């Protein structure tokens, strides 16, 4: 949750892509979340950056032969 509040959307997306890709290679998957809710104080742009990062991981995997 701290990441979604303190970091820029670009940094959030970058970290999701970096760590999510690593976890997918090691464990054949991963679950992405912010905890059990998205509080009102989380910027919408930050939440969307988290989702966009996960979508980018999938796009990259689909492009690989």
PDB file of N, CA and C in Angstrom:
ATOM      1  N   UNK A   1       0.826  -1.180   0.000  1.00  0.00           N
ATOM      2  CA  UNK A   1       0.000   0.000   0.000  1.00  0.00           C
ATOM      3  C   UNK A   1       0.873   1.249   0.000  1.00  0.00           C
ATOM      4  N   UNK A   2       1.943   1.214   0.751  1.00  0.00           N
ATOM      5  CA  UNK A   2       2.828   2.368   0.845  1.00  0.00           C
ATOM      6  C   UNK A   2       3.325   2.790  -0.539  1.00  0.00           C
ATOM      7  N   UNK A   3       3.650   1.825  -1.370  1.00  0.00           N
ATOM      8  CA  UNK A   3       4.129   2.111  -2.727  1.00  0.00           C
ATOM      9  C   UNK A   3       3.090   2.917  -3.501  1.00  0.00           C
ATOM     10  N   UNK A   4       1.831   2.551  -3.401  1.00  0.00           N
ATOM     11  CA  UNK A   4       0.774   3.231  -4.152  1.00  0.00           C
ATOM     12  C   UNK A   4       0.559   4.669  -3.695  1.00  0.00           C
ATOM     13  N   UNK A   5       0.906   4.960  -2.467  1.00  0.00           N
ATOM     14  CA  UNK A   5       0.693   6.301  -1.928  1.00  0.00           C
ATOM     15  C   UNK A   5       1.916   7.191  -2.132  1.00  0.00           C
ATOM     16  N   UNK A   6       3.100   6.626  -2.014  1.00  0.00           N
ATOM     17  CA  UNK A   6       4.312   7.446  -1.990  1.00  0.00           C
ATOM     18  C   UNK A   6       5.038   7.577  -3.329  1.00  0.00           C
ATOM     19  N   UNK A   7       4.844   6.634  -4.236  1.00  0.00           N
ATOM     20  CA  UNK A   7       5.616   6.647  -5.475  1.00  0.00           C
ATOM     21  C   UNK A   7       4.807   7.209  -6.642  1.00  0.00           C
ATOM     22  N   UNK A   8       5.523   7.633  -7.672  1.00  0.00           N
ATOM     23  CA  UNK A   8       4.868   8.147  -8.876  1.00  0.00           C
ATOM     24  C   UNK A   8       4.267   6.977  -9.661  1.00  0.00           C
ATOM     25  N   UNK A   9       3.273   7.245 -10.493  1.00  0.00           N
ATOM     26  CA  UNK A   9       2.711   6.178 -11.330  1.00  0.00           C
ATOM     27  C   UNK A   9       3.770   5.478 -12.186  1.00  0.00           C
ATOM     28  N   UNK A  10       4.720   6.210 -12.722  1.00  0.00           N
ATOM     29  CA  UNK A  10       5.782   5.586 -13.522  1.00  0.00           C
ATOM     30  C   UNK A  10       6.609   4.611 -12.696  1.00  0.00           C
ATOM     31  N   UNK A  11       6.944   5.004 -11.480  1.00  0.00           N
ATOM     32  CA  UNK A  11       7.729   4.136 -10.603  1.00  0.00           C
ATOM     33  C   UNK A  11       6.920   2.914 -10.191  1.00  0.00           C
ATOM     34  N   UNK A  12       5.657   3.088  -9.920  1.00  0.00           N
ATOM     35  CA  UNK A  12       4.802   1.962  -9.554  1.00  0.00           C
ATOM     36  C   UNK A  12       4.755   0.955 -10.687  1.00  0.00           C
ATOM     37  N   UNK A  13       4.489   1.423 -11.880  1.00  0.00           N
ATOM     38  CA  UNK A  13       4.424   0.531 -13.043  1.00  0.00           C
ATOM     39  C   UNK A  13       5.756  -0.180 -13.251  1.00  0.00           C
ATOM     40  N   UNK A  14       6.853   0.547 -13.158  1.00  0.00           N
ATOM     41  CA  UNK A  14       8.181  -0.040 -13.343  1.00  0.00           C
ATOM     42  C   UNK A  14       8.434  -1.153 -12.331  1.00  0.00           C
ATOM     43  N   UNK A  15       8.107  -0.903 -11.084  1.00  0.00           N
ATOM     44  CA  UNK A  15       8.365  -1.900 -10.042  1.00  0.00           C
ATOM     45  C   UNK A  15       7.455  -3.118 -10.179  1.00  0.00           C
ATOM     46  N   UNK A  16       6.212  -2.894 -10.566  1.00  0.00           N
ATOM     47  CA  UNK A  16       5.310  -4.031 -10.796  1.00  0.00           C
ATOM     48  C   UNK A  16       5.854  -4.902 -11.924  1.00  0.00           C
ATOM     49  N   UNK A  17       6.283  -4.276 -13.011  1.00  0.00           N
ATOM     50  CA  UNK A  17       6.818  -5.034 -14.143  1.00  0.00           C
ATOM     51  C   UNK A  17       8.083  -5.789 -13.733  1.00  0.00           C
ATOM     52  N   UNK A  18       8.982  -5.106 -13.052  1.00  0.00           N
ATOM     53  CA  UNK A  18      10.248  -5.726 -12.651  1.00  0.00           C
ATOM     54  C   UNK A  18      10.020  -6.904 -11.709  1.00  0.00           C
ATOM     55  N   UNK A  19       9.312  -6.662 -10.632  1.00  0.00           N
ATOM     56  CA  UNK A  19       9.130  -7.714  -9.628  1.00  0.00           C
ATOM     57  C   UNK A  19       8.139  -8.781 -10.084  1.00  0.00           C
ATOM     58  N   UNK A  20       7.091  -8.365 -10.761  1.00  0.00           N
ATOM     59  CA  UNK A  20       6.113  -9.332 -11.248  1.00  0.00           C
ATOM     60  C   UNK A  20       6.712 -10.284 -12.254  1.00  0.00           C
ATOM     61  N   UNK A  21       7.544  -9.765 -13.149  1.00  0.00           N
ATOM     62  CA  UNK A  21       8.210 -10.626 -14.133  1.00  0.00           C
ATOM     63  C   UNK A  21       9.129 -11.621 -13.437  1.00  0.00           C
ATOM     64  N   UNK A  22       9.827 -11.154 -12.435  1.00  0.00           N
ATOM     65  CA  UNK A  22      10.727 -12.027 -11.676  1.00  0.00           C
ATOM     66  C   UNK A  22       9.933 -13.135 -10.977  1.00  0.00           C
ATOM     67  N   UNK A  23       8.846 -12.780 -10.320  1.00  0.00           N
ATOM     68  CA  UNK A  23       8.041 -13.777  -9.609  1.00  0.00           C
ATOM     69  C   UNK A  23       7.430 -14.783 -10.579  1.00  0.00           C
ATOM     70  N   UNK A  24       6.987 -14.329 -11.738  1.00  0.00           N
ATOM     71  CA  UNK A  24       6.389 -15.241 -12.724  1.00  0.00           C
ATOM     72  C   UNK A  24       7.416 -16.251 -13.211  1.00  0.00           C
ATOM     73  N   UNK A  25       8.652 -15.830 -13.408  1.00  0.00           N
ATOM     74  CA  UNK A  25       9.701 -16.765 -13.835  1.00  0.00           C
ATOM     75  C   UNK A  25      10.000 -17.789 -12.741  1.00  0.00           C
ATOM     76  N   UNK A  26      10.062 -17.337 -11.511  1.00  0.00           N
ATOM     77  CA  UNK A  26      10.442 -18.215 -10.406  1.00  0.00           C
ATOM     78  C   UNK A  26       9.310 -19.141  -9.967  1.00  0.00           C
ATOM     79  N   UNK A  27       8.098 -18.635  -9.930  1.00  0.00           N
ATOM     80  CA  UNK A  27       6.995 -19.401  -9.356  1.00  0.00           C
ATOM     81  C   UNK A  27       5.913 -19.758 -10.370  1.00  0.00           C
ATOM     82  N   UNK A  28       6.123 -19.419 -11.625  1.00  0.00           N
ATOM     83  CA  UNK A  28       5.144 -19.674 -12.687  1.00  0.00           C
ATOM     84  C   UNK A  28       3.849 -18.894 -12.476  1.00  0.00           C
ATOM     85  N   UNK A  29       3.939 -17.784 -11.780  1.00  0.00           N
ATOM     86  CA  UNK A  29       2.760 -16.941 -11.575  1.00  0.00           C
ATOM     87  C   UNK A  29       2.931 -16.057 -10.358  1.00  0.00           C
ATOM     88  N   UNK A  30       1.968 -15.203 -10.142  1.00  0.00           N
ATOM     89  CA  UNK A  30       1.968 -14.354  -8.964  1.00  0.00           C
ATOM     90  C   UNK A  30       0.590 -13.733  -8.817  1.00  0.00           C
ATOM     91  N   UNK A  31       0.295 -13.262  -7.631  1.00  0.00           N
ATOM     92  CA  UNK A  31      -0.951 -12.543  -7.366  1.00  0.00           C
ATOM     93  C   UNK A  31      -0.584 -11.098  -7.071  1.00  0.00           C
ATOM     94  N   UNK A  32      -1.270 -10.190  -7.690  1.00  0.00           N
ATOM     95  CA  UNK A  32      -1.002  -8.770  -7.506  1.00  0.00           C
ATOM     96  C   UNK A  32      -2.134  -8.151  -6.719  1.00  0.00           C
ATOM     97  N   UNK A  33      -1.797  -7.368  -5.726  1.00  0.00           N
ATOM     98  CA  UNK A  33      -2.829  -6.703  -4.939  1.00  0.00           C
ATOM     99  C   UNK A  33      -2.242  -5.624  -4.059  1.00  0.00           C
ATOM    100  N   UNK A  34      -3.108  -4.906  -3.432  1.00  0.00           N
ATOM    101  CA  UNK A  34      -2.680  -3.821  -2.554  1.00  0.00           C
ATOM    102  C   UNK A  34      -3.003  -4.123  -1.098  1.00  0.00           C
ATOM    103  N   UNK A  35      -3.499  -5.270  -0.835  1.00  0.00           N
ATOM    104  CA  UNK A  35      -4.003  -5.621   0.483  1.00  0.00           C
ATOM    105  C   UNK A  35      -5.446  -6.056   0.297  1.00  0.00           C
ATOM    106  N   UNK A  36      -6.288  -5.713   1.230  1.00  0.00           N
ATOM    107  CA  UNK A  36      -7.674  -6.151   1.097  1.00  0.00           C
ATOM    108  C   UNK A  36      -8.632  -5.048   0.647  1.00  0.00           C
ATOM    109  N   UNK A  37      -8.099  -3.860   0.347  1.00  0.00           N
ATOM    110  CA  UNK A  37      -8.953  -2.770  -0.139  1.00  0.00           C
ATOM    111  C   UNK A  37      -8.089  -1.679  -0.767  1.00  0.00           C
ATOM    112  N   UNK A  38      -8.739  -0.762  -1.453  1.00  0.00           N
ATOM    113  CA  UNK A  38      -8.070   0.431  -1.979  1.00  0.00           C
ATOM    114  C   UNK A  38      -8.694   1.623  -1.259  1.00  0.00           C
ATOM    115  N   UNK A  39      -8.010   2.178  -0.264  1.00  0.00           N
ATOM    116  CA  UNK A  39      -8.576   3.309   0.483  1.00  0.00           C
ATOM    117  C   UNK A  39      -8.717   4.568  -0.380  1.00  0.00           C
ATOM    118  N   UNK A  40      -9.532   5.470   0.071  1.00  0.00           N
ATOM    119  CA  UNK A  40      -9.786   6.718  -0.653  1.00  0.00           C
ATOM    120  C   UNK A  40      -8.538   7.558  -0.866  1.00  0.00           C
ATOM    121  N   UNK A  41      -7.552   7.408   0.004  1.00  0.00           N
ATOM    122  CA  UNK A  41      -6.362   8.257  -0.110  1.00  0.00           C
ATOM    123  C   UNK A  41      -5.348   7.763  -1.147  1.00  0.00           C
ATOM    124  N   UNK A  42      -5.588   6.597  -1.748  1.00  0.00           N
ATOM    125  CA  UNK A  42      -4.714   6.112  -2.824  1.00  0.00           C
ATOM    126  C   UNK A  42      -5.110   6.836  -4.105  1.00  0.00           C
ATOM    127  N   UNK A  43      -4.170   7.534  -4.744  1.00  0.00           N
ATOM    128  CA  UNK A  43      -4.503   8.213  -5.997  1.00  0.00           C
ATOM    129  C   UNK A  43      -4.937   7.215  -7.074  1.00  0.00           C
ATOM    130  N   UNK A  44      -5.970   7.573  -7.793  1.00  0.00           N
ATOM    131  CA  UNK A  44      -6.480   6.710  -8.855  1.00  0.00           C
ATOM    132  C   UNK A  44      -5.374   6.387  -9.851  1.00  0.00           C
ATOM    133  N   UNK A  45      -4.552   7.373 -10.175  1.00  0.00           N
ATOM    134  CA  UNK A  45      -3.463   7.165 -11.131  1.00  0.00           C
ATOM    135  C   UNK A  45      -2.492   6.101 -10.640  1.00  0.00           C
ATOM    136  N   UNK A  46      -2.278   6.034  -9.350  1.00  0.00           N
ATOM    137  CA  UNK A  46      -1.371   5.036  -8.785  1.00  0.00           C
ATOM    138  C   UNK A  46      -1.947   3.630  -8.902  1.00  0.00           C
ATOM    139  N   UNK A  47      -3.231   3.506  -8.594  1.00  0.00           N
ATOM    140  CA  UNK A  47      -3.882   2.211  -8.717  1.00  0.00           C
ATOM    141  C   UNK A  47      -3.856   1.741 -10.175  1.00  0.00           C
ATOM    142  N   UNK A  48      -4.174   2.636 -11.087  1.00  0.00           N
ATOM    143  CA  UNK A  48      -4.176   2.287 -12.503  1.00  0.00           C
ATOM    144  C   UNK A  48      -2.776   1.927 -12.996  1.00  0.00           C
ATOM    145  N   UNK A  49      -1.747   2.571 -12.450  1.00  0.00           N
ATOM    146  CA  UNK A  49      -0.367   2.235 -12.815  1.00  0.00           C
ATOM    147  C   UNK A  49      -0.033   0.809 -12.392  1.00  0.00           C
ATOM    148  N   UNK A  50      -0.542   0.380 -11.240  1.00  0.00           N
ATOM    149  CA  UNK A  50      -0.334  -0.993 -10.790  1.00  0.00           C
ATOM    150  C   UNK A  50      -0.984  -1.964 -11.773  1.00  0.00           C
ATOM    151  N   UNK A  51      -2.202  -1.684 -12.172  1.00  0.00           N
ATOM    152  CA  UNK A  51      -2.916  -2.539 -13.114  1.00  0.00           C
ATOM    153  C   UNK A  51      -2.214  -2.540 -14.476  1.00  0.00           C
ATOM    154  N   UNK A  52      -1.793  -1.364 -14.940  1.00  0.00           N
ATOM    155  CA  UNK A  52      -1.100  -1.262 -16.232  1.00  0.00           C
ATOM    156  C   UNK A  52       0.207  -2.059 -16.224  1.00  0.00           C
ATOM    157  N   UNK A  53       0.910  -2.050 -15.089  1.00  0.00           N
ATOM    158  CA  UNK A  53       2.140  -2.834 -14.984  1.00  0.00           C
ATOM    159  C   UNK A  53       1.873  -4.317 -15.169  1.00  0.00           C
ATOM    160  N   UNK A  54       0.811  -4.811 -14.559  1.00  0.00           N
ATOM    161  CA  UNK A  54       0.450  -6.226 -14.707  1.00  0.00           C
ATOM    162  C   UNK A  54       0.064  -6.535 -16.150  1.00  0.00           C
ATOM    163  N   UNK A  55      -0.665  -5.642 -16.784  1.00  0.00           N
ATOM    164  CA  UNK A  55      -1.043  -5.845 -18.190  1.00  0.00           C
ATOM    165  C   UNK A  55       0.194  -5.863 -19.096  1.00  0.00           C
ATOM    166  N   UNK A  56       1.171  -5.038 -18.778  1.00  0.00           N
ATOM    167  CA  UNK A  56       2.397  -4.999 -19.573  1.00  0.00           C
ATOM    168  C   UNK A  56       3.166  -6.311 -19.460  1.00  0.00           C
ATOM    169  N   UNK A  57       3.188  -6.909 -18.290  1.00  0.00           N
ATOM    170  CA  UNK A  57       3.837  -8.212 -18.131  1.00  0.00           C
ATOM    171  C   UNK A  57       3.187  -9.211 -19.080  1.00  0.00           C
ATOM    172  N   UNK A  58       1.876  -9.225 -19.109  1.00  0.00           N
ATOM    173  CA  UNK A  58       1.153 -10.160 -19.974  1.00  0.00           C
ATOM    174  C   UNK A  58       1.445  -9.872 -21.455  1.00  0.00           C
ATOM    175  N   UNK A  59       1.449  -8.600 -21.837  1.00  0.00           N
ATOM    176  CA  UNK A  59       1.743  -8.252 -23.239  1.00  0.00           C
ATOM    177  C   UNK A  59       3.126  -8.748 -23.639  1.00  0.00           C
ATOM    178  N   UNK A  60       4.093  -8.555 -22.758  1.00  0.00           N
ATOM    179  CA  UNK A  60       5.468  -9.002 -23.059  1.00  0.00           C
ATOM    180  C   UNK A  60       5.541 -10.505 -23.208  1.00  0.00           C
ATOM    181  N   UNK A  61       4.823 -11.222 -22.372  1.00  0.00           N
ATOM    182  CA  UNK A  61       4.837 -12.684 -22.449  1.00  0.00           C
ATOM    183  C   UNK A  61       4.182 -13.169 -23.732  1.00  0.00           C
ATOM    184  N   UNK A  62       3.135 -12.509 -24.159  1.00  0.00           N
ATOM    185  CA  UNK A  62       2.438 -12.927 -25.380  1.00  0.00           C
ATOM    186  C   UNK A  62       3.277 -12.666 -26.618  1.00  0.00           C
ATOM    187  N   UNK A  63       4.183 -11.688 -26.569  1.00  0.00           N
ATOM    188  CA  UNK A  63       5.055 -11.367 -27.713  1.00  0.00           C
ATOM    189  C   UNK A  63       6.215 -12.328 -27.835  1.00  0.00           C
ATOM    190  N   UNK A  64       6.539 -13.026 -26.746  1.00  0.00           N
ATOM    191  CA  UNK A  64       7.688 -13.935 -26.781  1.00  0.00           C
ATOM    192  C   UNK A  64       7.335 -15.178 -27.578  1.00  0.00           C
ATOM    193  N   UNK A  65       8.315 -15.686 -28.353  1.00  0.00           N
ATOM    194  CA  UNK A  65       8.063 -16.908 -29.149  1.00  0.00           C
ATOM    195  C   UNK A  65       7.948 -18.148 -28.294  1.00  0.00           C
TER     196      UNK A  65
END
